[in-house]
Amino acid sequence: MAVMPSPPGSFKQSWLERCRQCSRCGLSAERQHVVISRGDPSAKVMVIGEAPGASEDIQGLPFVGRSGQLLDQLLRTVGFNPDSDLFICNVVKCRPPNNRKPSSAELRACRPWIEEQLAHVDPLVVVLVGATAVAAMLKRKQAMRSLRGVWIEQAGRLWMPVFHPAYLLRNPSREPGKPVAMTLEDLRQVRLRLCQCEPASGALFPCPPPP
């Protein structure tokens, strides 16, 4: 039987298998799945979170629990299709016990995987979801209140830190000035960064309407 070629931008099957069999840290002993990614490897926007939770460990996909459902909702609100416009992953690929934060050793062990994903996708913009992702990728440990919504140019890329949706679930108000509204504005800024207002200019996305 002939082997069908992978779609453009896809990761090689050999790379995926190596990642799925990873045992570089102790998290491999209790995981159900290595949670690699979802979305389009050819996307211009990469979303990087912290680590899988219980739902993600069961399904083998990142951001599919309550937090992920809220993140998808916010992304769709500003005009992104999470399946085709984004590549979504985490800095750590296996679930830490009881959803604790990944340790420094676990972050170091998993670092090569996220670096290879970043190099392969080569996005125009990276959205960093939560403080752990910001600290892991940019070595910045400021409070998210001061980091979110601020463009960071580092390592030859554009990075946008946003609140983690787990924090938004604890602060669900959508009033102006509240975390949910701030996150929507941050995601709109990502859309605006990618778009050009002239339709004939080859824009990646049409410009979003004013809020």
C-alpha atoms as a PDB file:
ATOM      1  CA  MET A   1       0.000   0.000   0.000  1.00  0.00           C
ATOM      2  CA  ALA A   2       1.356   3.425  -0.947  1.00  0.00           C
ATOM      3  CA  VAL A   3       2.069   5.831   1.908  1.00  0.00           C
ATOM      4  CA  MET A   4       0.157   9.084   1.554  1.00  0.00           C
ATOM      5  CA  PRO A   5       2.371  12.171   1.794  1.00  0.00           C
ATOM      6  CA  SER A   6       1.927  14.404   4.819  1.00  0.00           C
ATOM      7  CA  PRO A   7       0.167  17.738   4.292  1.00  0.00           C
ATOM      8  CA  PRO A   8       2.521  20.718   3.831  1.00  0.00           C
ATOM      9  CA  GLY A   9       3.850  21.927   7.149  1.00  0.00           C
ATOM     10  CA  SER A  10       3.157  18.672   8.996  1.00  0.00           C
ATOM     11  CA  PHE A  11       5.670  17.227  11.424  1.00  0.00           C
ATOM     12  CA  LYS A  12       7.429  14.061  10.304  1.00  0.00           C
ATOM     13  CA  GLN A  13       5.938  10.883  11.704  1.00  0.00           C
ATOM     14  CA  SER A  14       9.334   9.904  13.088  1.00  0.00           C
ATOM     15  CA  TRP A  15       9.482  13.148  15.099  1.00  0.00           C
ATOM     16  CA  LEU A  16       5.974  12.622  16.439  1.00  0.00           C
ATOM     17  CA  GLU A  17       6.803   9.075  17.497  1.00  0.00           C
ATOM     18  CA  ARG A  18       9.964  10.196  19.303  1.00  0.00           C
ATOM     19  CA  CYS A  19       7.969  12.843  21.144  1.00  0.00           C
ATOM     20  CA  ARG A  20       5.225  10.371  22.082  1.00  0.00           C
ATOM     21  CA  GLN A  21       7.808   7.990  23.529  1.00  0.00           C
ATOM     22  CA  CYS A  22       9.722  10.664  25.466  1.00  0.00           C
ATOM     23  CA  SER A  23      10.971   9.681  28.920  1.00  0.00           C
ATOM     24  CA  ARG A  24      13.265  12.608  29.671  1.00  0.00           C
ATOM     25  CA  CYS A  25      11.589  13.372  32.998  1.00  0.00           C
ATOM     26  CA  GLY A  26       9.475  11.670  35.658  1.00  0.00           C
ATOM     27  CA  LEU A  27       6.179  12.910  34.205  1.00  0.00           C
ATOM     28  CA  SER A  28       6.392  10.107  31.651  1.00  0.00           C
ATOM     29  CA  ALA A  29       5.682   7.522  34.368  1.00  0.00           C
ATOM     30  CA  GLU A  30       2.099   8.653  35.075  1.00  0.00           C
ATOM     31  CA  ARG A  31       0.872  10.193  31.838  1.00  0.00           C
ATOM     32  CA  GLN A  32      -1.842   8.738  29.640  1.00  0.00           C
ATOM     33  CA  HIS A  33      -0.758  10.685  26.566  1.00  0.00           C
ATOM     34  CA  VAL A  34       2.033  12.954  25.461  1.00  0.00           C
ATOM     35  CA  VAL A  35       0.095  16.088  24.504  1.00  0.00           C
ATOM     36  CA  ILE A  36       1.883  17.422  21.446  1.00  0.00           C
ATOM     37  CA  SER A  37      -0.322  19.960  19.654  1.00  0.00           C
ATOM     38  CA  ARG A  38      -3.481  20.777  17.777  1.00  0.00           C
ATOM     39  CA  GLY A  39      -4.187  23.155  14.924  1.00  0.00           C
ATOM     40  CA  ASP A  40      -2.248  23.890  11.744  1.00  0.00           C
ATOM     41  CA  PRO A  41       1.575  23.497  11.693  1.00  0.00           C
ATOM     42  CA  SER A  42       1.612  26.064   8.867  1.00  0.00           C
ATOM     43  CA  ALA A  43      -0.226  28.702  10.931  1.00  0.00           C
ATOM     44  CA  LYS A  44       1.145  32.214  11.311  1.00  0.00           C
ATOM     45  CA  VAL A  45       0.180  32.300  14.994  1.00  0.00           C
ATOM     46  CA  MET A  46       1.469  29.891  17.622  1.00  0.00           C
ATOM     47  CA  VAL A  47      -0.213  29.642  21.023  1.00  0.00           C
ATOM     48  CA  ILE A  48       1.942  28.256  23.845  1.00  0.00           C
ATOM     49  CA  GLY A  49       0.520  27.380  27.242  1.00  0.00           C
ATOM     50  CA  GLU A  50       1.877  25.755  30.402  1.00  0.00           C
ATOM     51  CA  ALA A  51       1.114  22.020  30.550  1.00  0.00           C
ATOM     52  CA  PRO A  52      -1.729  19.543  29.965  1.00  0.00           C
ATOM     53  CA  GLY A  53      -4.489  19.101  32.509  1.00  0.00           C
ATOM     54  CA  ALA A  54      -6.700  16.081  33.145  1.00  0.00           C
ATOM     55  CA  SER A  55      -8.850  16.466  30.014  1.00  0.00           C
ATOM     56  CA  GLU A  56      -5.794  17.039  27.859  1.00  0.00           C
ATOM     57  CA  ASP A  57      -4.055  13.969  29.275  1.00  0.00           C
ATOM     58  CA  ILE A  58      -7.102  11.844  28.452  1.00  0.00           C
ATOM     59  CA  GLN A  59      -7.643  13.188  24.934  1.00  0.00           C
ATOM     60  CA  GLY A  60      -4.014  13.768  23.985  1.00  0.00           C
ATOM     61  CA  LEU A  61      -4.735  17.331  22.799  1.00  0.00           C
ATOM     62  CA  PRO A  62      -3.862  20.694  24.395  1.00  0.00           C
ATOM     63  CA  PHE A  63      -6.484  23.144  25.712  1.00  0.00           C
ATOM     64  CA  VAL A  64      -9.566  20.925  25.407  1.00  0.00           C
ATOM     65  CA  GLY A  65     -10.892  21.166  28.976  1.00  0.00           C
ATOM     66  CA  ARG A  66     -12.857  24.085  30.430  1.00  0.00           C
ATOM     67  CA  SER A  67      -9.918  26.457  30.053  1.00  0.00           C
ATOM     68  CA  GLY A  68      -9.381  25.403  26.468  1.00  0.00           C
ATOM     69  CA  GLN A  69     -13.035  25.779  25.606  1.00  0.00           C
ATOM     70  CA  LEU A  70     -12.958  29.335  26.931  1.00  0.00           C
ATOM     71  CA  LEU A  71      -9.751  30.072  25.020  1.00  0.00           C
ATOM     72  CA  ASP A  72     -11.321  28.807  21.791  1.00  0.00           C
ATOM     73  CA  GLN A  73     -14.387  30.931  22.429  1.00  0.00           C
ATOM     74  CA  LEU A  74     -12.285  34.070  22.890  1.00  0.00           C
ATOM     75  CA  LEU A  75     -10.191  33.298  19.809  1.00  0.00           C
ATOM     76  CA  ARG A  76     -13.313  32.817  17.711  1.00  0.00           C
ATOM     77  CA  THR A  77     -14.782  36.061  19.080  1.00  0.00           C
ATOM     78  CA  VAL A  78     -11.905  38.048  17.579  1.00  0.00           C
ATOM     79  CA  GLY A  79     -12.011  36.113  14.298  1.00  0.00           C
ATOM     80  CA  PHE A  80      -9.544  33.254  14.659  1.00  0.00           C
ATOM     81  CA  ASN A  81     -10.395  29.675  13.750  1.00  0.00           C
ATOM     82  CA  PRO A  82      -8.427  27.557  16.268  1.00  0.00           C
ATOM     83  CA  ASP A  83      -8.346  24.614  13.841  1.00  0.00           C
ATOM     84  CA  SER A  84      -6.910  26.418  10.833  1.00  0.00           C
ATOM     85  CA  ASP A  85      -5.465  29.777  11.936  1.00  0.00           C
ATOM     86  CA  LEU A  86      -3.404  28.646  14.926  1.00  0.00           C
ATOM     87  CA  PHE A  87      -0.907  26.071  16.142  1.00  0.00           C
ATOM     88  CA  ILE A  88      -1.549  25.319  19.828  1.00  0.00           C
ATOM     89  CA  CYS A  89       0.807  23.550  22.241  1.00  0.00           C
ATOM     90  CA  ASN A  90       2.387  23.720  25.713  1.00  0.00           C
ATOM     91  CA  VAL A  91       5.900  24.166  27.067  1.00  0.00           C
ATOM     92  CA  VAL A  92       5.498  20.806  28.862  1.00  0.00           C
ATOM     93  CA  LYS A  93       3.950  17.874  27.011  1.00  0.00           C
ATOM     94  CA  CYS A  94       2.926  15.628  29.925  1.00  0.00           C
ATOM     95  CA  ARG A  95       0.512  16.373  32.766  1.00  0.00           C
ATOM     96  CA  PRO A  96       2.100  17.246  36.124  1.00  0.00           C
ATOM     97  CA  PRO A  97       0.364  15.436  39.026  1.00  0.00           C
ATOM     98  CA  ASN A  98      -2.667  17.304  40.392  1.00  0.00           C
ATOM     99  CA  ASN A  99      -2.151  20.003  37.743  1.00  0.00           C
ATOM    100  CA  ARG A 100       0.739  21.534  39.686  1.00  0.00           C
ATOM    101  CA  LYS A 101       3.141  23.878  37.907  1.00  0.00           C
ATOM    102  CA  PRO A 102       5.944  22.130  36.038  1.00  0.00           C
ATOM    103  CA  SER A 103       9.254  22.036  37.898  1.00  0.00           C
ATOM    104  CA  SER A 104      12.405  23.640  36.529  1.00  0.00           C
ATOM    105  CA  ALA A 105      13.783  20.186  35.735  1.00  0.00           C
ATOM    106  CA  GLU A 106      10.619  19.253  33.819  1.00  0.00           C
ATOM    107  CA  LEU A 107      10.726  22.497  31.864  1.00  0.00           C
ATOM    108  CA  ARG A 108      14.374  21.892  30.953  1.00  0.00           C
ATOM    109  CA  ALA A 109      13.681  18.303  29.924  1.00  0.00           C
ATOM    110  CA  CYS A 110      10.826  19.356  27.632  1.00  0.00           C
ATOM    111  CA  ARG A 111      12.530  22.438  26.215  1.00  0.00           C
ATOM    112  CA  PRO A 112      13.938  20.729  23.088  1.00  0.00           C
ATOM    113  CA  TRP A 113      10.431  19.689  21.991  1.00  0.00           C
ATOM    114  CA  ILE A 114       8.963  23.194  22.165  1.00  0.00           C
ATOM    115  CA  GLU A 115      12.069  24.633  20.503  1.00  0.00           C
ATOM    116  CA  GLU A 116      11.712  22.182  17.619  1.00  0.00           C
ATOM    117  CA  GLN A 117       8.026  23.019  17.287  1.00  0.00           C
ATOM    118  CA  LEU A 118       8.798  26.722  17.263  1.00  0.00           C
ATOM    119  CA  ALA A 119      11.477  26.306  14.600  1.00  0.00           C
ATOM    120  CA  HIS A 120       9.237  24.071  12.458  1.00  0.00           C
ATOM    121  CA  VAL A 121       6.124  26.267  12.570  1.00  0.00           C
ATOM    122  CA  ASP A 122       8.145  29.511  12.389  1.00  0.00           C
ATOM    123  CA  PRO A 123       5.157  31.719  13.303  1.00  0.00           C
ATOM    124  CA  LEU A 124       4.916  35.449  12.780  1.00  0.00           C
ATOM    125  CA  VAL A 125       3.435  35.878  16.262  1.00  0.00           C
ATOM    126  CA  VAL A 126       3.572  33.758  19.412  1.00  0.00           C
ATOM    127  CA  VAL A 127       0.819  34.113  22.025  1.00  0.00           C
ATOM    128  CA  LEU A 128       2.087  33.094  25.469  1.00  0.00           C
ATOM    129  CA  VAL A 129      -0.731  31.913  27.718  1.00  0.00           C
ATOM    130  CA  GLY A 130       0.000  32.516  31.392  1.00  0.00           C
ATOM    131  CA  ALA A 131       3.033  33.313  33.515  1.00  0.00           C
ATOM    132  CA  THR A 132       4.682  29.887  33.280  1.00  0.00           C
ATOM    133  CA  ALA A 133       4.792  30.033  29.489  1.00  0.00           C
ATOM    134  CA  VAL A 134       6.204  33.580  29.590  1.00  0.00           C
ATOM    135  CA  ALA A 135       8.890  32.622  32.102  1.00  0.00           C
ATOM    136  CA  ALA A 136       9.801  29.452  30.199  1.00  0.00           C
ATOM    137  CA  MET A 137      10.059  31.025  26.770  1.00  0.00           C
ATOM    138  CA  LEU A 138      11.295  34.545  27.555  1.00  0.00           C
ATOM    139  CA  LYS A 139      12.884  34.197  31.021  1.00  0.00           C
ATOM    140  CA  ARG A 140      10.601  36.949  32.354  1.00  0.00           C
ATOM    141  CA  LYS A 141       8.955  36.558  35.750  1.00  0.00           C
ATOM    142  CA  GLN A 142       6.978  39.773  36.082  1.00  0.00           C
ATOM    143  CA  ALA A 143       3.355  39.773  37.180  1.00  0.00           C
ATOM    144  CA  MET A 144       0.986  39.036  34.307  1.00  0.00           C
ATOM    145  CA  ARG A 145      -0.855  42.291  34.980  1.00  0.00           C
ATOM    146  CA  SER A 146       2.225  44.154  33.773  1.00  0.00           C
ATOM    147  CA  LEU A 147       3.154  41.715  30.985  1.00  0.00           C
ATOM    148  CA  ARG A 148      -0.169  41.007  29.293  1.00  0.00           C
ATOM    149  CA  GLY A 149      -1.091  43.020  26.274  1.00  0.00           C
ATOM    150  CA  VAL A 150       2.469  44.285  25.712  1.00  0.00           C
ATOM    151  CA  TRP A 151       4.297  43.286  22.547  1.00  0.00           C
ATOM    152  CA  ILE A 152       7.715  41.788  23.239  1.00  0.00           C
ATOM    153  CA  GLU A 153      10.346  41.536  20.514  1.00  0.00           C
ATOM    154  CA  GLN A 154      12.834  38.862  21.490  1.00  0.00           C
ATOM    155  CA  ALA A 155      14.801  36.096  19.770  1.00  0.00           C
ATOM    156  CA  GLY A 156      13.751  37.489  16.403  1.00  0.00           C
ATOM    157  CA  ARG A 157      10.044  37.007  17.105  1.00  0.00           C
ATOM    158  CA  LEU A 158       6.987  38.912  18.266  1.00  0.00           C
ATOM    159  CA  TRP A 159       5.432  37.622  21.490  1.00  0.00           C
ATOM    160  CA  MET A 160       2.109  38.569  23.102  1.00  0.00           C
ATOM    161  CA  PRO A 161       1.531  37.457  26.726  1.00  0.00           C
ATOM    162  CA  VAL A 162      -2.108  36.937  27.743  1.00  0.00           C
ATOM    163  CA  PHE A 163      -3.861  35.782  30.897  1.00  0.00           C
ATOM    164  CA  HIS A 164      -4.343  32.043  31.269  1.00  0.00           C
ATOM    165  CA  PRO A 165      -7.999  31.037  30.709  1.00  0.00           C
ATOM    166  CA  ALA A 166      -7.983  29.251  34.090  1.00  0.00           C
ATOM    167  CA  TYR A 167      -7.554  32.705  35.645  1.00  0.00           C
ATOM    168  CA  LEU A 168     -10.378  34.034  33.476  1.00  0.00           C
ATOM    169  CA  LEU A 169     -12.666  31.232  34.677  1.00  0.00           C
ATOM    170  CA  ARG A 170     -12.082  32.479  38.216  1.00  0.00           C
ATOM    171  CA  ASN A 171     -12.773  36.067  37.094  1.00  0.00           C
ATOM    172  CA  PRO A 172     -15.599  35.644  34.557  1.00  0.00           C
ATOM    173  CA  SER A 173     -16.904  39.222  34.361  1.00  0.00           C
ATOM    174  CA  ARG A 174     -16.830  40.592  30.812  1.00  0.00           C
ATOM    175  CA  GLU A 175     -17.120  44.213  31.868  1.00  0.00           C
ATOM    176  CA  PRO A 176     -14.584  46.663  30.392  1.00  0.00           C
ATOM    177  CA  GLY A 177     -11.329  46.642  32.330  1.00  0.00           C
ATOM    178  CA  LYS A 178     -11.838  43.129  33.658  1.00  0.00           C
ATOM    179  CA  PRO A 179      -9.472  40.254  32.704  1.00  0.00           C
ATOM    180  CA  VAL A 180     -11.763  38.709  30.064  1.00  0.00           C
ATOM    181  CA  ALA A 181     -12.213  42.029  28.264  1.00  0.00           C
ATOM    182  CA  MET A 182      -8.481  42.707  28.505  1.00  0.00           C
ATOM    183  CA  THR A 183      -7.716  39.310  26.981  1.00  0.00           C
ATOM    184  CA  LEU A 184     -10.108  39.923  24.100  1.00  0.00           C
ATOM    185  CA  GLU A 185      -8.328  43.191  23.413  1.00  0.00           C
ATOM    186  CA  ASP A 186      -4.943  41.444  23.514  1.00  0.00           C
ATOM    187  CA  LEU A 187      -6.136  38.850  21.005  1.00  0.00           C
ATOM    188  CA  ARG A 188      -7.552  41.600  18.777  1.00  0.00           C
ATOM    189  CA  GLN A 189      -4.092  43.169  18.786  1.00  0.00           C
ATOM    190  CA  VAL A 190      -2.712  39.887  17.478  1.00  0.00           C
ATOM    191  CA  ARG A 191      -5.288  39.912  14.675  1.00  0.00           C
ATOM    192  CA  LEU A 192      -4.463  43.516  13.835  1.00  0.00           C
ATOM    193  CA  ARG A 193      -0.767  42.711  13.723  1.00  0.00           C
ATOM    194  CA  LEU A 194      -1.430  40.101  11.047  1.00  0.00           C
ATOM    195  CA  CYS A 195      -3.923  41.966   8.928  1.00  0.00           C
ATOM    196  CA  GLN A 196      -3.662  44.656   6.292  1.00  0.00           C
ATOM    197  CA  CYS A 197      -6.696  46.774   5.555  1.00  0.00           C
ATOM    198  CA  GLU A 198      -6.339  46.701   1.748  1.00  0.00           C
ATOM    199  CA  PRO A 199      -8.020  43.485   0.528  1.00  0.00           C
ATOM    200  CA  ALA A 200      -5.802  43.419  -2.580  1.00  0.00           C
ATOM    201  CA  SER A 201      -2.598  43.479  -0.550  1.00  0.00           C
ATOM    202  CA  GLY A 202      -2.579  39.774   0.197  1.00  0.00           C
ATOM    203  CA  ALA A 203      -3.660  40.138   3.802  1.00  0.00           C
ATOM    204  CA  LEU A 204      -3.453  37.048   5.966  1.00  0.00           C
ATOM    205  CA  PHE A 205      -6.773  37.980   7.585  1.00  0.00           C
ATOM    206  CA  PRO A 206      -9.360  40.676   6.935  1.00  0.00           C
ATOM    207  CA  CYS A 207      -9.141  43.499   9.434  1.00  0.00           C
ATOM    208  CA  PRO A 208     -11.423  42.841  12.413  1.00  0.00           C
ATOM    209  CA  PRO A 209     -14.281  45.277  12.929  1.00  0.00           C
ATOM    210  CA  PRO A 210     -14.028  47.805  15.767  1.00  0.00           C
ATOM    211  CA  PRO A 211     -15.155  46.358  19.165  1.00  0.00           C
END
